[in-house]
PDB file of all heavy atoms in Angstrom:
ATOM      1  N   SER A   1      14.032   7.785  13.870  1.00  0.00           N
ATOM      2  CA  SER A   1      13.704   8.836  14.840  1.00  0.00           C
ATOM      3  C   SER A   1      12.366   8.601  15.538  1.00  0.00           C
ATOM      4  O   SER A   1      12.035   9.307  16.490  1.00  0.00           O
ATOM      5  CB  SER A   1      13.721  10.212  14.172  1.00  0.00           C
ATOM      6  OG  SER A   1      12.657  10.342  13.249  1.00  0.00           O
ATOM      7  N   HIS A   2      11.583   7.618  15.081  1.00  0.00           N
ATOM      8  CA  HIS A   2      10.281   7.326  15.681  1.00  0.00           C
ATOM      9  C   HIS A   2      10.197   5.924  16.293  1.00  0.00           C
ATOM     10  O   HIS A   2       9.103   5.417  16.550  1.00  0.00           O
ATOM     11  CB  HIS A   2       9.175   7.491  14.627  1.00  0.00           C
ATOM     12  CG  HIS A   2       8.929   8.914  14.261  1.00  0.00           C
ATOM     13  ND1 HIS A   2       9.672   9.577  13.321  1.00  0.00           N
ATOM     14  CD2 HIS A   2       8.036   9.807  14.726  1.00  0.00           C
ATOM     15  CE1 HIS A   2       9.241  10.817  13.224  1.00  0.00           C
ATOM     16  NE2 HIS A   2       8.256  10.988  14.060  1.00  0.00           N
ATOM     17  N   LEU A   3      11.347   5.304  16.550  1.00  0.00           N
ATOM     18  CA  LEU A   3      11.349   3.930  17.082  1.00  0.00           C
ATOM     19  C   LEU A   3      10.606   3.798  18.410  1.00  0.00           C
ATOM     20  O   LEU A   3      10.025   2.756  18.694  1.00  0.00           O
ATOM     21  CB  LEU A   3      12.783   3.428  17.260  1.00  0.00           C
ATOM     22  CG  LEU A   3      13.525   3.066  15.989  1.00  0.00           C
ATOM     23  CD1 LEU A   3      14.942   2.620  16.325  1.00  0.00           C
ATOM     24  CD2 LEU A   3      12.789   1.978  15.220  1.00  0.00           C
ATOM     25  N   ASN A   4      10.621   4.827  19.222  1.00  0.00           N
ATOM     26  CA  ASN A   4       9.991   4.749  20.540  1.00  0.00           C
ATOM     27  C   ASN A   4       8.616   5.404  20.600  1.00  0.00           C
ATOM     28  O   ASN A   4       8.087   5.615  21.690  1.00  0.00           O
ATOM     29  CB  ASN A   4      10.920   5.364  21.591  1.00  0.00           C
ATOM     30  CG  ASN A   4      12.214   4.582  21.695  1.00  0.00           C
ATOM     31  OD1 ASN A   4      12.207   3.358  21.722  1.00  0.00           O
ATOM     32  ND2 ASN A   4      13.327   5.288  21.730  1.00  0.00           N
ATOM     33  N   ASP A   5       8.030   5.712  19.456  1.00  0.00           N
ATOM     34  CA  ASP A   5       6.712   6.330  19.420  1.00  0.00           C
ATOM     35  C   ASP A   5       5.656   5.258  19.681  1.00  0.00           C
ATOM     36  O   ASP A   5       5.483   4.347  18.871  1.00  0.00           O
ATOM     37  CB  ASP A   5       6.476   6.978  18.059  1.00  0.00           C
ATOM     38  CG  ASP A   5       5.190   7.776  17.997  1.00  0.00           C
ATOM     39  OD1 ASP A   5       4.239   7.458  18.751  1.00  0.00           O
ATOM     40  OD2 ASP A   5       5.115   8.710  17.183  1.00  0.00           O
ATOM     41  N   PRO A   6       4.940   5.327  20.796  1.00  0.00           N
ATOM     42  CA  PRO A   6       3.971   4.287  21.142  1.00  0.00           C
ATOM     43  C   PRO A   6       2.738   4.278  20.237  1.00  0.00           C
ATOM     44  O   PRO A   6       1.955   3.331  20.254  1.00  0.00           O
ATOM     45  CB  PRO A   6       3.578   4.622  22.581  1.00  0.00           C
ATOM     46  CG  PRO A   6       3.808   6.097  22.689  1.00  0.00           C
ATOM     47  CD  PRO A   6       4.993   6.383  21.800  1.00  0.00           C
ATOM     48  N   ASN A   7       2.584   5.311  19.413  1.00  0.00           N
ATOM     49  CA  ASN A   7       1.430   5.387  18.515  1.00  0.00           C
ATOM     50  C   ASN A   7       1.703   4.826  17.125  1.00  0.00           C
ATOM     51  O   ASN A   7       0.840   4.885  16.261  1.00  0.00           O
ATOM     52  CB  ASN A   7       0.971   6.845  18.389  1.00  0.00           C
ATOM     53  CG  ASN A   7       0.496   7.387  19.711  1.00  0.00           C
ATOM     54  OD1 ASN A   7      -0.288   6.754  20.397  1.00  0.00           O
ATOM     55  ND2 ASN A   7       1.002   8.546  20.091  1.00  0.00           N
ATOM     56  N   LEU A   8       2.905   4.308  16.905  1.00  0.00           N
ATOM     57  CA  LEU A   8       3.271   3.780  15.602  1.00  0.00           C
ATOM     58  C   LEU A   8       3.684   2.316  15.706  1.00  0.00           C
ATOM     59  O   LEU A   8       4.257   1.899  16.699  1.00  0.00           O
ATOM     60  CB  LEU A   8       4.431   4.574  15.001  1.00  0.00           C
ATOM     61  CG  LEU A   8       4.165   6.037  14.717  1.00  0.00           C
ATOM     62  CD1 LEU A   8       5.444   6.718  14.273  1.00  0.00           C
ATOM     63  CD2 LEU A   8       3.089   6.195  13.666  1.00  0.00           C
ATOM     64  N   ARG A   9       3.401   1.557  14.645  1.00  0.00           N
ATOM     65  CA  ARG A   9       3.834   0.159  14.563  1.00  0.00           C
ATOM     66  C   ARG A   9       4.336  -0.088  13.152  1.00  0.00           C
ATOM     67  O   ARG A   9       3.661   0.220  12.177  1.00  0.00           O
ATOM     68  CB  ARG A   9       2.661  -0.773  14.875  1.00  0.00           C
ATOM     69  CG  ARG A   9       2.940  -2.245  14.714  1.00  0.00           C
ATOM     70  CD  ARG A   9       3.903  -2.766  15.749  1.00  0.00           C
ATOM     71  NE  ARG A   9       3.230  -2.868  17.010  1.00  0.00           N
ATOM     72  CZ  ARG A   9       3.363  -3.854  17.842  1.00  0.00           C
ATOM     73  NH1 ARG A   9       4.174  -4.837  17.574  1.00  0.00           N
ATOM     74  NH2 ARG A   9       2.709  -3.857  18.969  1.00  0.00           N
ATOM     75  N   SER A  10       5.535  -0.645  13.038  1.00  0.00           N
ATOM     76  CA  SER A  10       6.091  -1.010  11.741  1.00  0.00           C
ATOM     77  C   SER A  10       5.733  -2.455  11.440  1.00  0.00           C
ATOM     78  O   SER A  10       5.584  -3.273  12.346  1.00  0.00           O
ATOM     79  CB  SER A  10       7.624  -0.880  11.751  1.00  0.00           C
ATOM     80  OG  SER A  10       8.002   0.455  11.935  1.00  0.00           O
ATOM     81  N   SER A  11       5.611  -2.744  10.166  1.00  0.00           N
ATOM     82  CA  SER A  11       5.351  -4.133   9.777  1.00  0.00           C
ATOM     83  C   SER A  11       6.286  -4.523   8.647  1.00  0.00           C
ATOM     84  O   SER A  11       6.704  -3.688   7.856  1.00  0.00           O
ATOM     85  CB  SER A  11       3.895  -4.323   9.339  1.00  0.00           C
ATOM     86  OG  SER A  11       3.620  -3.560   8.188  1.00  0.00           O
ATOM     87  N   LYS A  12       6.633  -5.787   8.616  1.00  0.00           N
ATOM     88  CA  LYS A  12       7.471  -6.327   7.554  1.00  0.00           C
ATOM     89  C   LYS A  12       6.663  -7.408   6.872  1.00  0.00           C
ATOM     90  O   LYS A  12       6.217  -8.350   7.505  1.00  0.00           O
ATOM     91  CB  LYS A  12       8.759  -6.898   8.139  1.00  0.00           C
ATOM     92  CG  LYS A  12       9.683  -7.486   7.095  1.00  0.00           C
ATOM     93  CD  LYS A  12      10.961  -7.954   7.730  1.00  0.00           C
ATOM     94  CE  LYS A  12      11.864  -8.611   6.719  1.00  0.00           C
ATOM     95  NZ  LYS A  12      12.761  -7.690   6.072  1.00  0.00           N
ATOM     96  N   TRP A  13       6.458  -7.271   5.571  1.00  0.00           N
ATOM     97  CA  TRP A  13       5.693  -8.246   4.785  1.00  0.00           C
ATOM     98  C   TRP A  13       6.687  -9.070   3.996  1.00  0.00           C
ATOM     99  O   TRP A  13       7.541  -8.532   3.317  1.00  0.00           O
ATOM    100  CB  TRP A  13       4.764  -7.536   3.831  1.00  0.00           C
ATOM    101  CG  TRP A  13       3.775  -6.610   4.451  1.00  0.00           C
ATOM    102  CD1 TRP A  13       3.789  -6.086   5.712  1.00  0.00           C
ATOM    103  CD2 TRP A  13       2.627  -6.064   3.824  1.00  0.00           C
ATOM    104  NE1 TRP A  13       2.719  -5.258   5.898  1.00  0.00           N
ATOM    105  CE2 TRP A  13       1.977  -5.223   4.742  1.00  0.00           C
ATOM    106  CE3 TRP A  13       2.077  -6.199   2.571  1.00  0.00           C
ATOM    107  CZ2 TRP A  13       0.815  -4.535   4.454  1.00  0.00           C
ATOM    108  CZ3 TRP A  13       0.914  -5.512   2.278  1.00  0.00           C
ATOM    109  CH2 TRP A  13       0.296  -4.698   3.208  1.00  0.00           C
ATOM    110  N   MET A  14       6.581 -10.378   4.078  1.00  0.00           N
ATOM    111  CA  MET A  14       7.565 -11.214   3.411  1.00  0.00           C
ATOM    112  C   MET A  14       7.006 -12.570   3.018  1.00  0.00           C
ATOM    113  O   MET A  14       5.991 -13.008   3.559  1.00  0.00           O
ATOM    114  CB  MET A  14       8.773 -11.396   4.306  1.00  0.00           C
ATOM    115  CG  MET A  14       8.472 -12.227   5.558  1.00  0.00           C
ATOM    116  SD  MET A  14       9.401 -11.760   6.993  1.00  0.00           S
ATOM    117  CE  MET A  14       8.228 -10.717   7.815  1.00  0.00           C
ATOM    118  N   LEU A  15       7.651 -13.203   2.067  1.00  0.00           N
ATOM    119  CA  LEU A  15       7.325 -14.583   1.721  1.00  0.00           C
ATOM    120  C   LEU A  15       8.096 -15.533   2.625  1.00  0.00           C
ATOM    121  O   LEU A  15       7.570 -16.522   3.100  1.00  0.00           O
ATOM    122  CB  LEU A  15       7.686 -14.879   0.265  1.00  0.00           C
ATOM    123  CG  LEU A  15       6.804 -14.235  -0.782  1.00  0.00           C
ATOM    124  CD1 LEU A  15       7.372 -14.455  -2.166  1.00  0.00           C
ATOM    125  CD2 LEU A  15       5.388 -14.783  -0.698  1.00  0.00           C
ATOM    126  N   ASP A  16       9.364 -15.235   2.858  1.00  0.00           N
ATOM    127  CA  ASP A  16      10.233 -16.064   3.676  1.00  0.00           C
ATOM    128  C   ASP A  16      10.301 -15.466   5.075  1.00  0.00           C
ATOM    129  O   ASP A  16      11.042 -14.524   5.311  1.00  0.00           O
ATOM    130  CB  ASP A  16      11.616 -16.133   3.046  1.00  0.00           C
ATOM    131  CG  ASP A  16      12.617 -16.916   3.883  1.00  0.00           C
ATOM    132  OD1 ASP A  16      12.216 -17.571   4.867  1.00  0.00           O
ATOM    133  OD2 ASP A  16      13.804 -16.872   3.543  1.00  0.00           O
ATOM    134  N   THR A  17       9.509 -16.002   5.985  1.00  0.00           N
ATOM    135  CA  THR A  17       9.443 -15.414   7.325  1.00  0.00           C
ATOM    136  C   THR A  17      10.720 -15.616   8.127  1.00  0.00           C
ATOM    137  O   THR A  17      10.895 -14.982   9.153  1.00  0.00           O
ATOM    138  CB  THR A  17       8.236 -15.968   8.102  1.00  0.00           C
ATOM    139  OG1 THR A  17       8.301 -17.388   8.103  1.00  0.00           O
ATOM    140  CG2 THR A  17       6.929 -15.510   7.481  1.00  0.00           C
ATOM    141  N   SER A  18      11.629 -16.468   7.671  1.00  0.00           N
ATOM    142  CA  SER A  18      12.902 -16.613   8.383  1.00  0.00           C
ATOM    143  C   SER A  18      13.715 -15.321   8.295  1.00  0.00           C
ATOM    144  O   SER A  18      14.547 -15.044   9.150  1.00  0.00           O
ATOM    145  CB  SER A  18      13.704 -17.797   7.844  1.00  0.00           C
ATOM    146  OG  SER A  18      14.125 -17.555   6.515  1.00  0.00           O
ATOM    147  N   ALA A  19      13.463 -14.506   7.262  1.00  0.00           N
ATOM    148  CA  ALA A  19      14.165 -13.233   7.126  1.00  0.00           C
ATOM    149  C   ALA A  19      13.835 -12.303   8.288  1.00  0.00           C
ATOM    150  O   ALA A  19      14.666 -11.486   8.685  1.00  0.00           O
ATOM    151  CB  ALA A  19      13.804 -12.564   5.801  1.00  0.00           C
ATOM    152  N   TYR A  20      12.644 -12.429   8.852  1.00  0.00           N
ATOM    153  CA  TYR A  20      12.250 -11.594   9.986  1.00  0.00           C
ATOM    154  C   TYR A  20      13.173 -11.838  11.166  1.00  0.00           C
ATOM    155  O   TYR A  20      13.558 -10.911  11.866  1.00  0.00           O
ATOM    156  CB  TYR A  20      10.798 -11.893  10.371  1.00  0.00           C
ATOM    157  CG  TYR A  20      10.301 -11.077  11.542  1.00  0.00           C
ATOM    158  CD1 TYR A  20       9.890  -9.775  11.376  1.00  0.00           C
ATOM    159  CD2 TYR A  20      10.269 -11.619  12.821  1.00  0.00           C
ATOM    160  CE1 TYR A  20       9.442  -9.017  12.434  1.00  0.00           C
ATOM    161  CE2 TYR A  20       9.822 -10.870  13.892  1.00  0.00           C
ATOM    162  CZ  TYR A  20       9.409  -9.570  13.695  1.00  0.00           C
ATOM    163  OH  TYR A  20       8.982  -8.827  14.754  1.00  0.00           O
ATOM    164  N   ASP A  21      13.569 -13.092  11.371  1.00  0.00           N
ATOM    165  CA  ASP A  21      14.437 -13.435  12.493  1.00  0.00           C
ATOM    166  C   ASP A  21      15.866 -12.955  12.294  1.00  0.00           C
ATOM    167  O   ASP A  21      16.616 -12.849  13.254  1.00  0.00           O
ATOM    168  CB  ASP A  21      14.427 -14.949  12.719  1.00  0.00           C
ATOM    169  CG  ASP A  21      13.058 -15.461  13.129  1.00  0.00           C
ATOM    170  OD1 ASP A  21      12.323 -14.711  13.809  1.00  0.00           O
ATOM    171  OD2 ASP A  21      12.721 -16.597  12.765  1.00  0.00           O
ATOM    172  N   GLN A  22      16.246 -12.663  11.064  1.00  0.00           N
ATOM    173  CA  GLN A  22      17.610 -12.235  10.774  1.00  0.00           C
ATOM    174  C   GLN A  22      17.829 -10.751  11.055  1.00  0.00           C
ATOM    175  O   GLN A  22      18.955 -10.308  11.153  1.00  0.00           O
ATOM    176  CB  GLN A  22      17.956 -12.553   9.320  1.00  0.00           C
ATOM    177  CG  GLN A  22      17.980 -14.044   9.053  1.00  0.00           C
ATOM    178  CD  GLN A  22      18.144 -14.350   7.580  1.00  0.00           C
ATOM    179  OE1 GLN A  22      18.382 -13.465   6.763  1.00  0.00           O
ATOM    180  NE2 GLN A  22      17.998 -15.607   7.225  1.00  0.00           N
ATOM    181  N   GLY A  23      16.773  -9.989  11.159  1.00  0.00           N
ATOM    182  CA  GLY A  23      16.918  -8.573  11.453  1.00  0.00           C
ATOM    183  C   GLY A  23      15.723  -7.786  10.978  1.00  0.00           C
ATOM    184  O   GLY A  23      15.196  -8.051   9.906  1.00  0.00           O
ATOM    185  N   HIS A  24      15.269  -6.858  11.791  1.00  0.00           N
ATOM    186  CA  HIS A  24      14.108  -6.043  11.462  1.00  0.00           C
ATOM    187  C   HIS A  24      14.103  -4.810  12.349  1.00  0.00           C
ATOM    188  O   HIS A  24      14.890  -4.710  13.291  1.00  0.00           O
ATOM    189  CB  HIS A  24      12.805  -6.828  11.632  1.00  0.00           C
ATOM    190  CG  HIS A  24      12.658  -7.430  12.982  1.00  0.00           C
ATOM    191  ND1 HIS A  24      12.160  -6.744  14.066  1.00  0.00           N
ATOM    192  CD2 HIS A  24      12.981  -8.658  13.451  1.00  0.00           C
ATOM    193  CE1 HIS A  24      12.170  -7.522  15.133  1.00  0.00           C
ATOM    194  NE2 HIS A  24      12.659  -8.683  14.793  1.00  0.00           N
ATOM    195  N   VAL A  25      13.228  -3.885  12.062  1.00  0.00           N
ATOM    196  CA  VAL A  25      13.076  -2.699  12.882  1.00  0.00           C
ATOM    197  C   VAL A  25      12.613  -3.146  14.269  1.00  0.00           C
ATOM    198  O   VAL A  25      11.668  -3.942  14.378  1.00  0.00           O
ATOM    199  CB  VAL A  25      12.040  -1.738  12.254  1.00  0.00           C
ATOM    200  CG1 VAL A  25      11.731  -0.578  13.188  1.00  0.00           C
ATOM    201  CG2 VAL A  25      12.530  -1.235  10.914  1.00  0.00           C
ATOM    202  N   PRO A  26      13.258  -2.688  15.337  1.00  0.00           N
ATOM    203  CA  PRO A  26      12.825  -3.086  16.684  1.00  0.00           C
ATOM    204  C   PRO A  26      11.342  -2.781  16.899  1.00  0.00           C
ATOM    205  O   PRO A  26      10.857  -1.711  16.549  1.00  0.00           O
ATOM    206  CB  PRO A  26      13.689  -2.225  17.607  1.00  0.00           C
ATOM    207  CG  PRO A  26      14.903  -1.911  16.790  1.00  0.00           C
ATOM    208  CD  PRO A  26      14.409  -1.800  15.372  1.00  0.00           C
ATOM    209  N   GLY A  27      10.625  -3.758  17.417  1.00  0.00           N
ATOM    210  CA  GLY A  27       9.200  -3.595  17.691  1.00  0.00           C
ATOM    211  C   GLY A  27       8.298  -3.870  16.504  1.00  0.00           C
ATOM    212  O   GLY A  27       7.081  -3.834  16.626  1.00  0.00           O
ATOM    213  N   ALA A  28       8.875  -4.140  15.337  1.00  0.00           N
ATOM    214  CA  ALA A  28       8.070  -4.401  14.138  1.00  0.00           C
ATOM    215  C   ALA A  28       7.410  -5.772  14.238  1.00  0.00           C
ATOM    216  O   ALA A  28       7.907  -6.677  14.895  1.00  0.00           O
ATOM    217  CB  ALA A  28       8.935  -4.333  12.888  1.00  0.00           C
ATOM    218  N   VAL A  29       6.292  -5.896  13.579  1.00  0.00           N
ATOM    219  CA  VAL A  29       5.592  -7.169  13.500  1.00  0.00           C
ATOM    220  C   VAL A  29       5.832  -7.731  12.102  1.00  0.00           C
ATOM    221  O   VAL A  29       5.874  -6.995  11.131  1.00  0.00           O
ATOM    222  CB  VAL A  29       4.084  -6.990  13.793  1.00  0.00           C
ATOM    223  CG1 VAL A  29       3.435  -6.051  12.824  1.00  0.00           C
ATOM    224  CG2 VAL A  29       3.374  -8.305  13.819  1.00  0.00           C
ATOM    225  N   GLY A  30       6.039  -9.050  12.012  1.00  0.00           N
ATOM    226  CA  GLY A  30       6.275  -9.684  10.718  1.00  0.00           C
ATOM    227  C   GLY A  30       5.040 -10.426  10.242  1.00  0.00           C
ATOM    228  O   GLY A  30       4.429 -11.173  11.001  1.00  0.00           O
ATOM    229  N   TRP A  31       4.662 -10.204   8.989  1.00  0.00           N
ATOM    230  CA  TRP A  31       3.502 -10.883   8.404  1.00  0.00           C
ATOM    231  C   TRP A  31       3.924 -11.674   7.182  1.00  0.00           C
ATOM    232  O   TRP A  31       4.707 -11.200   6.361  1.00  0.00           O
ATOM    233  CB  TRP A  31       2.438  -9.871   7.998  1.00  0.00           C
ATOM    234  CG  TRP A  31       1.744  -9.219   9.145  1.00  0.00           C
ATOM    235  CD1 TRP A  31       1.459  -9.770  10.362  1.00  0.00           C
ATOM    236  CD2 TRP A  31       1.235  -7.890   9.196  1.00  0.00           C
ATOM    237  NE1 TRP A  31       0.810  -8.862  11.153  1.00  0.00           N
ATOM    238  CE2 TRP A  31       0.652  -7.696  10.459  1.00  0.00           C
ATOM    239  CE3 TRP A  31       1.204  -6.853   8.291  1.00  0.00           C
ATOM    240  CZ2 TRP A  31       0.053  -6.511  10.832  1.00  0.00           C
ATOM    241  CZ3 TRP A  31       0.605  -5.659   8.667  1.00  0.00           C
ATOM    242  CH2 TRP A  31       0.037  -5.501   9.920  1.00  0.00           C
ATOM    243  N   ASN A  32       3.386 -12.849   7.040  1.00  0.00           N
ATOM    244  CA  ASN A  32       3.648 -13.691   5.892  1.00  0.00           C
ATOM    245  C   ASN A  32       2.645 -13.350   4.788  1.00  0.00           C
ATOM    246  O   ASN A  32       1.436 -13.417   5.000  1.00  0.00           O
ATOM    247  CB  ASN A  32       3.536 -15.166   6.273  1.00  0.00           C
ATOM    248  CG  ASN A  32       3.874 -16.083   5.131  1.00  0.00           C
ATOM    249  OD1 ASN A  32       3.175 -16.128   4.128  1.00  0.00           O
ATOM    250  ND2 ASN A  32       4.946 -16.825   5.292  1.00  0.00           N
ATOM    251  N   TRP A  33       3.176 -12.994   3.614  1.00  0.00           N
ATOM    252  CA  TRP A  33       2.319 -12.599   2.494  1.00  0.00           C
ATOM    253  C   TRP A  33       1.323 -13.694   2.139  1.00  0.00           C
ATOM    254  O   TRP A  33       0.138 -13.441   1.956  1.00  0.00           O
ATOM    255  CB  TRP A  33       3.183 -12.233   1.287  1.00  0.00           C
ATOM    256  CG  TRP A  33       2.440 -12.260  -0.008  1.00  0.00           C
ATOM    257  CD1 TRP A  33       2.576 -13.175  -0.999  1.00  0.00           C
ATOM    258  CD2 TRP A  33       1.406 -11.367  -0.429  1.00  0.00           C
ATOM    259  NE1 TRP A  33       1.708 -12.896  -2.016  1.00  0.00           N
ATOM    260  CE2 TRP A  33       0.965 -11.789  -1.698  1.00  0.00           C
ATOM    261  CE3 TRP A  33       0.806 -10.253   0.133  1.00  0.00           C
ATOM    262  CZ2 TRP A  33      -0.028 -11.137  -2.413  1.00  0.00           C
ATOM    263  CZ3 TRP A  33      -0.192  -9.607  -0.576  1.00  0.00           C
ATOM    264  CH2 TRP A  33      -0.601 -10.034  -1.831  1.00  0.00           C
ATOM    265  N   GLN A  34       1.785 -14.937   2.040  1.00  0.00           N
ATOM    266  CA  GLN A  34       0.933 -16.012   1.556  1.00  0.00           C
ATOM    267  C   GLN A  34      -0.118 -16.457   2.560  1.00  0.00           C
ATOM    268  O   GLN A  34      -1.227 -16.803   2.172  1.00  0.00           O
ATOM    269  CB  GLN A  34       1.789 -17.208   1.144  1.00  0.00           C
ATOM    270  CG  GLN A  34       2.630 -16.893  -0.071  1.00  0.00           C
ATOM    271  CD  GLN A  34       3.589 -18.024  -0.404  1.00  0.00           C
ATOM    272  OE1 GLN A  34       4.236 -18.574   0.473  1.00  0.00           O
ATOM    273  NE2 GLN A  34       3.670 -18.350  -1.670  1.00  0.00           N
ATOM    274  N   THR A  35       0.198 -16.434   3.843  1.00  0.00           N
ATOM    275  CA  THR A  35      -0.743 -16.968   4.817  1.00  0.00           C
ATOM    276  C   THR A  35      -1.533 -15.906   5.579  1.00  0.00           C
ATOM    277  O   THR A  35      -2.567 -16.234   6.157  1.00  0.00           O
ATOM    278  CB  THR A  35      -0.014 -17.861   5.845  1.00  0.00           C
ATOM    279  OG1 THR A  35       0.959 -17.072   6.548  1.00  0.00           O
ATOM    280  CG2 THR A  35       0.667 -19.031   5.164  1.00  0.00           C
ATOM    281  N   GLN A  36      -1.074 -14.661   5.585  1.00  0.00           N
ATOM    282  CA  GLN A  36      -1.754 -13.644   6.378  1.00  0.00           C
ATOM    283  C   GLN A  36      -2.274 -12.454   5.578  1.00  0.00           C
ATOM    284  O   GLN A  36      -3.222 -11.808   6.004  1.00  0.00           O
ATOM    285  CB  GLN A  36      -0.809 -13.129   7.478  1.00  0.00           C
ATOM    286  CG  GLN A  36      -0.478 -14.189   8.512  1.00  0.00           C
ATOM    287  CD  GLN A  36       0.505 -13.657   9.524  1.00  0.00           C
ATOM    288  OE1 GLN A  36       1.664 -13.451   9.218  1.00  0.00           O
ATOM    289  NE2 GLN A  36       0.019 -13.433  10.723  1.00  0.00           N
ATOM    290  N   LEU A  37      -1.652 -12.135   4.471  1.00  0.00           N
ATOM    291  CA  LEU A  37      -2.012 -10.914   3.753  1.00  0.00           C
ATOM    292  C   LEU A  37      -2.706 -11.145   2.428  1.00  0.00           C
ATOM    293  O   LEU A  37      -3.256 -10.231   1.844  1.00  0.00           O
ATOM    294  CB  LEU A  37      -0.753 -10.067   3.500  1.00  0.00           C
ATOM    295  CG  LEU A  37      -0.130  -9.500   4.762  1.00  0.00           C
ATOM    296  CD1 LEU A  37       1.260  -8.973   4.457  1.00  0.00           C
ATOM    297  CD2 LEU A  37      -0.992  -8.412   5.335  1.00  0.00           C
ATOM    298  N   GLN A  38      -2.688 -12.350   1.940  1.00  0.00           N
ATOM    299  CA  GLN A  38      -3.217 -12.632   0.610  1.00  0.00           C
ATOM    300  C   GLN A  38      -4.602 -13.266   0.681  1.00  0.00           C
ATOM    301  O   GLN A  38      -4.832 -14.164   1.473  1.00  0.00           O
ATOM    302  CB  GLN A  38      -2.251 -13.587  -0.117  1.00  0.00           C
ATOM    303  CG  GLN A  38      -2.701 -13.989  -1.478  1.00  0.00           C
ATOM    304  CD  GLN A  38      -1.688 -14.903  -2.147  1.00  0.00           C
ATOM    305  OE1 GLN A  38      -1.269 -14.610  -3.233  1.00  0.00           O
ATOM    306  NE2 GLN A  38      -1.309 -15.992  -1.526  1.00  0.00           N
ATOM    307  N   ASP A  39      -5.502 -12.769  -0.121  1.00  0.00           N
ATOM    308  CA  ASP A  39      -6.791 -13.426  -0.316  1.00  0.00           C
ATOM    309  C   ASP A  39      -6.522 -14.596  -1.247  1.00  0.00           C
ATOM    310  O   ASP A  39      -6.213 -14.402  -2.427  1.00  0.00           O
ATOM    311  CB  ASP A  39      -7.800 -12.456  -0.935  1.00  0.00           C
ATOM    312  CG  ASP A  39      -9.161 -13.077  -1.137  1.00  0.00           C
ATOM    313  OD1 ASP A  39      -9.227 -14.251  -1.569  1.00  0.00           O
ATOM    314  OD2 ASP A  39     -10.156 -12.399  -0.879  1.00  0.00           O
ATOM    315  N   THR A  40      -6.599 -15.818  -0.743  1.00  0.00           N
ATOM    316  CA  THR A  40      -6.188 -16.984  -1.519  1.00  0.00           C
ATOM    317  C   THR A  40      -7.111 -17.276  -2.695  1.00  0.00           C
ATOM    318  O   THR A  40      -6.694 -17.934  -3.644  1.00  0.00           O
ATOM    319  CB  THR A  40      -6.089 -18.227  -0.621  1.00  0.00           C
ATOM    320  OG1 THR A  40      -7.338 -18.427   0.027  1.00  0.00           O
ATOM    321  CG2 THR A  40      -4.997 -18.058   0.418  1.00  0.00           C
ATOM    322  N   LEU A  41      -8.334 -16.790  -2.680  1.00  0.00           N
ATOM    323  CA  LEU A  41      -9.234 -17.007  -3.809  1.00  0.00           C
ATOM    324  C   LEU A  41      -8.936 -16.050  -4.957  1.00  0.00           C
ATOM    325  O   LEU A  41      -8.945 -16.428  -6.122  1.00  0.00           O
ATOM    326  CB  LEU A  41     -10.690 -16.873  -3.386  1.00  0.00           C
ATOM    327  CG  LEU A  41     -11.180 -17.910  -2.377  1.00  0.00           C
ATOM    328  CD1 LEU A  41     -12.621 -17.626  -1.979  1.00  0.00           C
ATOM    329  CD2 LEU A  41     -11.055 -19.319  -2.958  1.00  0.00           C
ATOM    330  N   ARG A  42      -8.686 -14.783  -4.622  1.00  0.00           N
ATOM    331  CA  ARG A  42      -8.439 -13.772  -5.657  1.00  0.00           C
ATOM    332  C   ARG A  42      -6.956 -13.583  -5.942  1.00  0.00           C
ATOM    333  O   ARG A  42      -6.596 -12.904  -6.880  1.00  0.00           O
ATOM    334  CB  ARG A  42      -9.042 -12.432  -5.234  1.00  0.00           C
ATOM    335  CG  ARG A  42     -10.546 -12.445  -5.114  1.00  0.00           C
ATOM    336  CD  ARG A  42     -11.093 -11.079  -4.733  1.00  0.00           C
ATOM    337  NE  ARG A  42     -10.552 -10.643  -3.461  1.00  0.00           N
ATOM    338  CZ  ARG A  42     -10.103  -9.418  -3.201  1.00  0.00           C
ATOM    339  NH1 ARG A  42     -10.126  -8.492  -4.117  1.00  0.00           N
ATOM    340  NH2 ARG A  42      -9.624  -9.098  -2.019  1.00  0.00           N
ATOM    341  N   ARG A  43      -6.091 -14.144  -5.097  1.00  0.00           N
ATOM    342  CA  ARG A  43      -4.635 -13.958  -5.191  1.00  0.00           C
ATOM    343  C   ARG A  43      -4.296 -12.468  -5.223  1.00  0.00           C
ATOM    344  O   ARG A  43      -3.557 -11.978  -6.066  1.00  0.00           O
ATOM    345  CB  ARG A  43      -4.053 -14.709  -6.374  1.00  0.00           C
ATOM    346  CG  ARG A  43      -4.351 -16.180  -6.271  1.00  0.00           C
ATOM    347  CD  ARG A  43      -3.423 -17.130  -6.931  1.00  0.00           C
ATOM    348  NE  ARG A  43      -2.022 -16.875  -6.930  1.00  0.00           N
ATOM    349  CZ  ARG A  43      -1.158 -17.357  -6.033  1.00  0.00           C
ATOM    350  NH1 ARG A  43      -1.585 -18.071  -5.021  1.00  0.00           N
ATOM    351  NH2 ARG A  43       0.118 -17.130  -6.156  1.00  0.00           N
ATOM    352  N   ASP A  44      -4.876 -11.757  -4.305  1.00  0.00           N
ATOM    353  CA  ASP A  44      -4.699 -10.319  -4.176  1.00  0.00           C
ATOM    354  C   ASP A  44      -4.590 -10.017  -2.690  1.00  0.00           C
ATOM    355  O   ASP A  44      -4.715 -10.903  -1.854  1.00  0.00           O
ATOM    356  CB  ASP A  44      -5.905  -9.606  -4.795  1.00  0.00           C
ATOM    357  CG  ASP A  44      -5.630  -8.142  -5.102  1.00  0.00           C
ATOM    358  OD1 ASP A  44      -4.539  -7.647  -4.778  1.00  0.00           O
ATOM    359  OD2 ASP A  44      -6.519  -7.507  -5.683  1.00  0.00           O
ATOM    360  N   LEU A  45      -4.410  -8.746  -2.339  1.00  0.00           N
ATOM    361  CA  LEU A  45      -4.385  -8.369  -0.924  1.00  0.00           C
ATOM    362  C   LEU A  45      -5.676  -8.780  -0.230  1.00  0.00           C
ATOM    363  O   LEU A  45      -6.748  -8.800  -0.844  1.00  0.00           O
ATOM    364  CB  LEU A  45      -4.208  -6.860  -0.771  1.00  0.00           C
ATOM    365  CG  LEU A  45      -2.816  -6.314  -1.026  1.00  0.00           C
ATOM    366  CD1 LEU A  45      -2.857  -4.803  -1.014  1.00  0.00           C
ATOM    367  CD2 LEU A  45      -1.820  -6.824  -0.027  1.00  0.00           C
ATOM    368  N   ALA A  46      -5.568  -9.084   1.031  1.00  0.00           N
ATOM    369  CA  ALA A  46      -6.751  -9.397   1.830  1.00  0.00           C
ATOM    370  C   ALA A  46      -7.702  -8.204   1.806  1.00  0.00           C
ATOM    371  O   ALA A  46      -7.284  -7.057   1.635  1.00  0.00           O
ATOM    372  CB  ALA A  46      -6.331  -9.711   3.261  1.00  0.00           C
TER     373      ALA A  46
END
């Protein structure tokens, strides 16, 4: 019900970014857990 709300953005966090191409919420941004969201030194969230 909020797909067209310009004030909201959905995100999909994944290890296998090919899954993003297979289907996602329209307008969502895809982030790779290992390369974009993970602090590689602490192995925790950025």
